[in-house]
Amino acid sequence: MVPAQIHPTVTVVVPTLAADESLDECLASLDRQTFRDFEVIVIDNSGSGKAKPRDGARIIANDRNVGFGAAVNQAFHQSQAPFLAVLNDDAVAQPGWLEALLSAVERRADIGMCASQVRLADNGLLDSAGMLLCLDGSSKQRGHCQPPASYPRQEEALLPSGSAALYRREMLDEIGLFDEGFFLYCEDTDLGLRARWAAWECSYVPDAIVEHRYSHSAGTASALKAYLVERNRLFVIFKNFPLSDLLLVPFYAVSRYFWHFVYALKGRGKAAQFQRDGGSLARLPWYVLRAHLELLGRFPHIWRQRRRMKRRLTSKQFRRLMHRFSIRPRQVAAL
C-alpha cells in the first residue's frame, strides 16, 4: 500500500461494525494484493472504537453507527484517489482483486463502476456476479448459489453489489454519493441506477474474486433487515423508476408477497429463513405497512431528489435496460 501522504490510484474503504477477526482477515487480504498503489480507510461504526490502529490502514471512528452509505461517503471525502473500492469487512479478496478491477475500468472511459465475482465462503458458489432488479424495486444478486463458471466472461452488468465494488470518482462527482437516508441495504442499487440514468456503464469482472461470509455483520434475516429492505426498495422505485413503471409496481409487489408466502409454507426462500432465524411471519405485514408509512413522510424529499437526478437516457432507454436485467418476483422470493 502507498504511504497515506501520497495520493494513490485507489482508496479502498472497509466499513465495519463488529471490528472482529473477520476485519483482520479482510485487511490481511488487502496486504496481499498484487496491485499496490492504493490506500485503506476503515470506517468504524461500532460507536465504541473497536477497530484498533494498524499499519497500512487509516481508521475513522464514529461515535455511533451512521450506516453503510454514510461510512463510504466519509472515506470518499477523505480521499483524492480517482477510484473508490468498497469491500465488506467480512469479505476476503484474492490477491488479483484490485488489479483485475483497475484493468477493467481503465479500458473505457464510460465504465463508471465494476462488479466483483463474489463467492460464498462456505461453499465456493456465487454470492453475486452483479445485481438484478425486480420490477417492484427489489434487487437480488445475479448468479446467487450458481457455480462461478456460469459467468466466466467480463461483460456488462446492471450494477455492482456494494459488498465488493469499484467506482470511478468522476462518476460519483457527477451523480452524487450513496444516499445516506437508506442507512443500510439497497443504497448500492440506488447509486447504480442513478449512474445508469446518467449513461455510465457497469462491467462484471470475473477475475476480481472475493469470498464473502454472507450477512456476517447484519444477520441473514433479521426483523431490522426485513423492514429496511422493504422500506428502501420503495425509496429506490420512487427515485429511479420511469413513471409508467411506477404504475406496475404494486402488481409485482403483490406477486412477490404471494410467492414469499408459498415458499414459506414449503420451508424455502427468504421468508422461511426469516422464520428459522426466530422472526415472526405474522409481523411481516406490519413491516410492510411501516415501510409505506415512512415513505409517505419522506416523499417530498425523495421526489426532489428524483427531479435533481442527472439523466442522459430517455425513459424508454432506461426501461429497456431495467427489463434486460430484471428478475421475476417468484425468483426473488425463492433466493
Protein backbone atom coordinates (compact mmCIF):
# COMPACT_ATOMS: atom_id res chain seq x y z
CA MET A 1 0.00 0.00 0.00
CA VAL A 2 1.18 3.53 -0.68
CA PRO A 3 2.00 5.94 2.16
CA ALA A 4 -1.03 7.97 3.27
CA GLN A 5 0.52 11.32 2.27
CA ILE A 6 0.85 10.26 -1.40
CA HIS A 7 -2.36 10.32 -3.44
CA PRO A 8 -2.99 6.72 -4.52
CA THR A 9 -4.88 5.43 -7.55
CA VAL A 10 -7.47 3.65 -5.39
CA THR A 11 -8.94 4.23 -1.96
CA VAL A 12 -10.32 1.01 -0.50
CA VAL A 13 -12.97 1.69 2.13
CA VAL A 14 -13.92 -1.03 4.61
CA PRO A 15 -16.93 -0.16 6.80
CA THR A 16 -17.08 -2.24 9.98
CA LEU A 17 -19.46 -2.69 12.87
CA ALA A 18 -18.08 -5.72 14.67
CA ALA A 19 -14.38 -4.98 14.01
CA ASP A 20 -13.58 -8.59 14.91
CA GLU A 21 -11.34 -11.28 13.45
CA SER A 22 -13.18 -11.03 10.12
CA LEU A 23 -11.90 -7.48 9.72
CA ASP A 24 -8.38 -8.74 10.41
CA GLU A 25 -8.74 -11.35 7.66
CA CYS A 26 -10.16 -8.75 5.27
CA LEU A 27 -7.28 -6.32 5.83
CA ALA A 28 -4.73 -9.14 5.60
CA SER A 29 -6.12 -9.99 2.16
CA LEU A 30 -5.58 -6.38 1.09
CA ASP A 31 -1.95 -6.62 2.21
CA ARG A 32 -1.53 -9.43 -0.32
CA GLN A 33 -2.80 -7.50 -3.36
CA THR A 34 -0.64 -7.63 -6.48
CA PHE A 35 -1.66 -4.03 -7.29
CA ARG A 36 0.00 -1.80 -4.67
CA ASP A 37 -0.99 1.79 -5.48
CA PHE A 38 -3.85 2.05 -3.00
CA GLU A 39 -4.74 3.17 0.49
CA VAL A 40 -7.15 1.62 3.00
CA ILE A 41 -9.63 3.55 5.12
CA VAL A 42 -11.53 1.61 7.78
CA ILE A 43 -14.75 3.27 8.96
CA ASP A 44 -15.53 2.05 12.49
CA ASN A 45 -19.30 2.23 13.02
CA SER A 46 -19.22 0.35 16.33
CA GLY A 47 -19.58 3.56 18.34
CA SER A 48 -17.04 2.28 20.84
CA GLY A 49 -13.74 2.37 18.95
CA LYS A 50 -13.48 -1.36 18.36
CA ALA A 51 -11.23 -1.04 15.30
CA LYS A 52 -7.65 -0.80 16.52
CA PRO A 53 -4.92 1.15 14.70
CA ARG A 54 -2.85 -0.99 12.35
CA ASP A 55 -0.12 -0.46 9.81
CA GLY A 56 -1.27 0.45 6.32
CA ALA A 57 -4.83 1.50 7.23
CA ARG A 58 -6.41 4.72 8.42
CA ILE A 59 -9.16 4.39 11.00
CA ILE A 60 -12.11 6.78 11.15
CA ALA A 61 -14.11 6.05 14.31
CA ASN A 62 -17.71 7.22 14.53
CA ASP A 63 -19.48 7.71 17.85
CA ARG A 64 -22.47 5.76 16.52
CA ASN A 65 -23.46 3.55 13.63
CA VAL A 66 -24.01 6.04 10.80
CA GLY A 67 -24.92 3.33 8.28
CA PHE A 68 -23.19 1.82 5.27
CA GLY A 69 -23.64 4.64 2.78
CA ALA A 70 -22.60 7.38 5.17
CA ALA A 71 -19.48 5.39 6.10
CA VAL A 72 -18.42 5.01 2.46
CA ASN A 73 -19.13 8.69 1.85
CA GLN A 74 -16.83 9.61 4.75
CA ALA A 75 -13.97 7.78 3.10
CA PHE A 76 -14.71 9.43 -0.25
CA HIS A 77 -14.44 12.87 1.34
CA GLN A 78 -11.11 11.88 2.93
CA SER A 79 -9.71 10.63 -0.37
CA GLN A 80 -8.37 12.18 -3.55
CA ALA A 81 -7.94 8.92 -5.44
CA PRO A 82 -9.58 8.67 -8.89
CA PHE A 83 -11.18 5.33 -7.92
CA LEU A 84 -13.03 4.20 -4.79
CA ALA A 85 -13.26 0.50 -3.95
CA VAL A 86 -15.73 -0.76 -1.34
CA LEU A 87 -15.17 -4.04 0.49
CA ASN A 88 -17.25 -5.56 3.27
CA ASP A 89 -15.38 -6.32 6.47
CA ASP A 90 -16.49 -9.97 6.18
CA ALA A 91 -15.04 -10.36 2.68
CA VAL A 92 -11.60 -11.70 1.78
CA ALA A 93 -10.14 -10.51 -1.52
CA GLN A 94 -7.95 -12.75 -3.65
CA PRO A 95 -4.54 -11.20 -4.50
CA GLY A 96 -5.54 -10.13 -8.02
CA TRP A 97 -8.79 -8.44 -6.97
CA LEU A 98 -7.79 -4.78 -7.30
CA GLU A 99 -5.57 -5.40 -10.33
CA ALA A 100 -8.46 -7.02 -12.21
CA LEU A 101 -10.89 -4.21 -11.32
CA LEU A 102 -8.46 -1.48 -12.40
CA SER A 103 -7.69 -3.28 -15.64
CA ALA A 104 -11.41 -3.46 -16.45
CA VAL A 105 -12.38 0.11 -15.56
CA GLU A 106 -9.48 1.68 -17.41
CA ARG A 107 -10.42 0.03 -20.72
CA ARG A 108 -13.21 2.51 -21.41
CA ALA A 109 -13.90 5.98 -20.08
CA ASP A 110 -17.66 5.32 -19.87
CA ILE A 111 -17.29 2.46 -17.35
CA GLY A 112 -18.13 4.08 -14.05
CA MET A 113 -18.41 1.01 -11.82
CA CYS A 114 -17.26 -2.60 -11.70
CA ALA A 115 -18.81 -5.64 -10.05
CA SER A 116 -16.60 -8.29 -8.49
CA GLN A 117 -17.10 -12.04 -8.56
CA VAL A 118 -18.32 -12.50 -5.00
CA ARG A 119 -18.25 -16.09 -3.78
CA LEU A 120 -19.87 -17.60 -0.70
CA ALA A 121 -17.02 -18.55 1.61
CA ASP A 122 -18.65 -21.72 2.92
CA ASN A 123 -19.23 -23.49 -0.41
CA GLY A 124 -17.44 -21.54 -3.17
CA LEU A 125 -20.66 -20.87 -5.09
CA LEU A 126 -21.51 -17.39 -6.30
CA ASP A 127 -22.95 -14.82 -3.98
CA SER A 128 -23.01 -12.14 -6.66
CA ALA A 129 -21.97 -11.58 -10.27
CA GLY A 130 -23.51 -8.13 -10.30
CA MET A 131 -27.11 -7.35 -9.41
CA LEU A 132 -30.54 -7.92 -10.95
CA LEU A 133 -33.69 -5.86 -10.43
CA CYS A 134 -37.25 -6.96 -9.79
CA LEU A 135 -39.80 -4.54 -11.19
CA ASP A 136 -41.15 -3.88 -7.69
CA GLY A 137 -37.78 -2.34 -6.77
CA SER A 138 -36.28 -5.38 -5.06
CA SER A 139 -32.73 -6.18 -6.09
CA LYS A 140 -31.06 -9.58 -5.97
CA GLN A 141 -27.64 -10.98 -6.71
CA ARG A 142 -27.11 -12.27 -10.22
CA GLY A 143 -25.97 -15.88 -10.21
CA HIS A 144 -26.59 -16.41 -6.49
CA CYS A 145 -25.72 -20.01 -5.47
CA GLN A 146 -24.64 -20.91 -9.00
CA PRO A 147 -21.12 -22.16 -9.89
CA PRO A 148 -18.66 -19.35 -10.72
CA ALA A 149 -18.15 -20.95 -14.14
CA SER A 150 -21.72 -19.90 -15.00
CA TYR A 151 -20.43 -16.34 -15.51
CA PRO A 152 -16.92 -16.78 -16.95
CA ARG A 153 -16.53 -13.62 -19.06
CA GLN A 154 -16.16 -9.93 -18.40
CA GLU A 155 -19.46 -8.43 -19.53
CA GLU A 156 -21.97 -5.72 -18.87
CA ALA A 157 -23.90 -5.90 -15.60
CA LEU A 158 -26.70 -3.66 -14.38
CA LEU A 159 -24.83 -2.55 -11.27
CA PRO A 160 -22.44 -3.97 -8.65
CA SER A 161 -23.11 -5.31 -5.19
CA GLY A 162 -21.72 -2.88 -2.64
CA SER A 163 -20.07 -5.78 -0.82
CA ALA A 164 -17.14 -5.63 -3.29
CA ALA A 165 -17.25 -2.91 -5.94
CA LEU A 166 -15.15 -0.27 -7.68
CA TYR A 167 -16.45 3.22 -8.51
CA ARG A 168 -14.92 5.96 -10.64
CA ARG A 169 -14.60 9.28 -8.79
CA GLU A 170 -15.61 11.23 -11.90
CA MET A 171 -18.92 9.36 -11.92
CA LEU A 172 -19.55 9.96 -8.20
CA ASP A 173 -18.72 13.64 -8.57
CA GLU A 174 -21.39 13.85 -11.28
CA ILE A 175 -24.26 11.76 -9.87
CA GLY A 176 -23.65 12.11 -6.13
CA LEU A 177 -22.59 9.66 -3.45
CA PHE A 178 -24.52 6.97 -1.58
CA ASP A 179 -27.88 8.16 -0.27
CA GLU A 180 -27.35 8.21 3.50
CA GLY A 181 -31.11 8.13 4.11
CA PHE A 182 -31.13 4.42 3.24
CA PHE A 183 -28.91 3.67 6.28
CA LEU A 184 -28.44 0.02 5.29
CA TYR A 185 -29.44 -2.13 2.28
CA CYS A 186 -30.31 -1.11 -1.30
CA GLU A 187 -28.13 2.01 -1.32
CA ASP A 188 -25.90 0.27 -3.86
CA THR A 189 -28.97 -0.32 -6.05
CA ASP A 190 -29.97 3.32 -5.84
CA LEU A 191 -26.45 4.53 -6.67
CA GLY A 192 -26.14 2.08 -9.55
CA LEU A 193 -29.48 3.08 -11.09
CA ARG A 194 -28.65 6.77 -10.81
CA ALA A 195 -25.39 6.02 -12.59
CA ARG A 196 -27.20 4.14 -15.37
CA TRP A 197 -29.62 7.07 -15.85
CA ALA A 198 -26.54 9.22 -16.43
CA ALA A 199 -25.31 6.71 -19.07
CA TRP A 200 -22.44 5.28 -17.04
CA GLU A 201 -21.72 1.62 -17.74
CA CYS A 202 -21.08 -1.24 -15.31
CA SER A 203 -18.71 -4.12 -16.01
CA TYR A 204 -18.74 -7.51 -14.30
CA VAL A 205 -15.13 -8.65 -13.70
CA PRO A 206 -14.89 -12.41 -13.07
CA ASP A 207 -11.17 -12.24 -12.24
CA ALA A 208 -11.84 -9.84 -9.35
CA ILE A 209 -12.67 -12.54 -6.80
CA VAL A 210 -13.65 -12.14 -3.16
CA GLU A 211 -15.04 -14.63 -0.68
CA HIS A 212 -17.92 -13.34 1.43
CA ARG A 213 -19.43 -14.64 4.66
CA TYR A 214 -22.95 -13.57 3.75
CA SER A 215 -24.54 -11.03 6.15
CA HIS A 216 -21.92 -11.77 8.80
CA SER A 217 -22.34 -8.26 10.24
CA ALA A 218 -26.07 -7.68 9.92
CA GLY A 219 -27.54 -11.17 10.21
CA THR A 220 -29.17 -13.19 7.45
CA ALA A 221 -32.85 -12.46 8.01
CA SER A 222 -33.40 -10.14 10.99
CA ALA A 223 -36.52 -8.09 11.67
CA LEU A 224 -34.50 -4.92 11.08
CA LYS A 225 -33.33 -6.22 7.72
CA ALA A 226 -36.88 -7.19 6.70
CA TYR A 227 -38.10 -3.68 7.44
CA LEU A 228 -35.18 -1.79 5.89
CA VAL A 229 -35.18 -3.84 2.69
CA GLU A 230 -38.91 -3.22 2.23
CA ARG A 231 -38.62 0.49 3.00
CA ASN A 232 -35.56 1.04 0.87
CA ARG A 233 -36.94 -0.71 -2.20
CA LEU A 234 -39.75 1.88 -2.05
CA PHE A 235 -37.14 4.64 -1.94
CA VAL A 236 -35.43 3.06 -4.96
CA ILE A 237 -38.54 2.96 -7.13
CA PHE A 238 -39.74 6.49 -6.41
CA LYS A 239 -36.29 7.92 -7.02
CA ASN A 240 -35.40 5.91 -10.10
CA PHE A 241 -38.27 4.18 -11.91
CA PRO A 242 -39.87 5.71 -15.01
CA LEU A 243 -43.36 6.99 -14.25
CA SER A 244 -45.08 4.33 -16.37
CA ASP A 245 -43.29 1.57 -14.43
CA LEU A 246 -44.40 3.03 -11.10
CA LEU A 247 -47.97 2.10 -12.00
CA LEU A 248 -46.99 -1.57 -12.29
CA VAL A 249 -45.02 -1.76 -9.05
CA PRO A 250 -48.00 -2.80 -6.83
CA PHE A 251 -48.75 -5.79 -9.06
CA TYR A 252 -45.15 -7.03 -8.92
CA ALA A 253 -45.04 -6.42 -5.16
CA VAL A 254 -48.23 -8.40 -4.51
CA SER A 255 -46.84 -11.22 -6.64
CA ARG A 256 -43.63 -11.24 -4.61
CA TYR A 257 -45.58 -11.31 -1.31
CA PHE A 258 -47.61 -14.24 -2.65
CA TRP A 259 -44.52 -16.24 -3.56
CA HIS A 260 -42.89 -15.45 -0.22
CA PHE A 261 -45.96 -16.98 1.43
CA VAL A 262 -45.92 -20.05 -0.84
CA TYR A 263 -42.22 -20.71 -0.30
CA ALA A 264 -42.55 -20.14 3.45
CA LEU A 265 -45.13 -22.92 3.58
CA LYS A 266 -42.60 -25.16 1.83
CA GLY A 267 -39.81 -24.12 4.18
CA ARG A 268 -37.89 -22.40 1.41
CA GLY A 269 -36.80 -18.90 0.47
CA LYS A 270 -36.18 -15.73 2.46
CA ALA A 271 -39.45 -15.82 4.40
CA ALA A 272 -38.71 -19.33 5.64
CA GLN A 273 -35.15 -18.28 6.54
CA PHE A 274 -36.59 -15.33 8.47
CA GLN A 275 -38.78 -17.73 10.44
CA ARG A 276 -35.91 -20.13 11.13
CA ASP A 277 -33.85 -17.22 12.46
CA GLY A 278 -36.55 -16.50 15.03
CA GLY A 279 -38.67 -13.98 13.15
CA SER A 280 -42.46 -14.00 13.17
CA LEU A 281 -44.17 -14.26 9.78
CA ALA A 282 -47.20 -12.60 11.36
CA ARG A 283 -45.08 -9.46 11.84
CA LEU A 284 -44.12 -9.15 8.17
CA PRO A 285 -47.32 -7.26 7.15
CA TRP A 286 -46.51 -4.71 9.87
CA TYR A 287 -43.04 -4.17 8.43
CA VAL A 288 -44.62 -3.58 5.02
CA LEU A 289 -47.12 -1.09 6.44
CA ARG A 290 -44.44 0.69 8.46
CA ALA A 291 -42.25 0.96 5.35
CA HIS A 292 -45.06 2.59 3.36
CA LEU A 293 -45.83 5.00 6.20
CA GLU A 294 -42.22 6.14 6.31
CA LEU A 295 -42.26 6.58 2.53
CA LEU A 296 -45.20 8.97 2.92
CA GLY A 297 -43.28 11.02 5.46
CA ARG A 298 -40.20 11.28 3.26
CA PHE A 299 -41.93 11.52 -0.08
CA PRO A 300 -41.44 15.27 -0.73
CA HIS A 301 -37.69 14.93 -0.14
CA ILE A 302 -37.44 11.78 -2.31
CA TRP A 303 -39.36 13.47 -5.14
CA ARG A 304 -36.98 16.44 -5.01
CA GLN A 305 -34.05 14.01 -5.25
CA ARG A 306 -35.70 12.43 -8.28
CA ARG A 307 -36.12 15.77 -10.04
CA ARG A 308 -32.47 16.73 -9.44
CA MET A 309 -31.11 13.47 -10.82
CA LYS A 310 -28.71 13.58 -13.78
CA ARG A 311 -30.32 11.96 -16.84
CA ARG A 312 -28.78 11.21 -20.20
CA LEU A 313 -31.00 8.24 -21.07
CA THR A 314 -34.61 8.63 -22.12
CA SER A 315 -37.27 6.84 -20.10
CA LYS A 316 -37.62 4.35 -22.95
CA GLN A 317 -33.89 3.57 -22.93
CA PHE A 318 -33.81 3.19 -19.16
CA ARG A 319 -36.89 0.96 -19.18
CA ARG A 320 -35.26 -1.28 -21.78
CA LEU A 321 -32.16 -1.52 -19.58
CA MET A 322 -34.22 -2.39 -16.50
CA HIS A 323 -36.09 -5.14 -18.28
CA ARG A 324 -32.89 -6.59 -19.72
CA PHE A 325 -31.58 -7.17 -16.19
CA SER A 326 -34.90 -7.91 -14.49
CA ILE A 327 -35.79 -10.84 -12.25
CA ARG A 328 -39.28 -12.22 -11.63
CA PRO A 329 -41.00 -11.88 -8.21
CA ARG A 330 -41.05 -15.67 -7.84
CA GLN A 331 -37.27 -15.79 -8.27
CA VAL A 332 -36.83 -13.06 -5.67
CA ALA A 333 -38.87 -15.00 -3.11
CA ALA A 334 -37.02 -18.23 -3.84
CA LEU A 335 -33.49 -16.83 -3.30
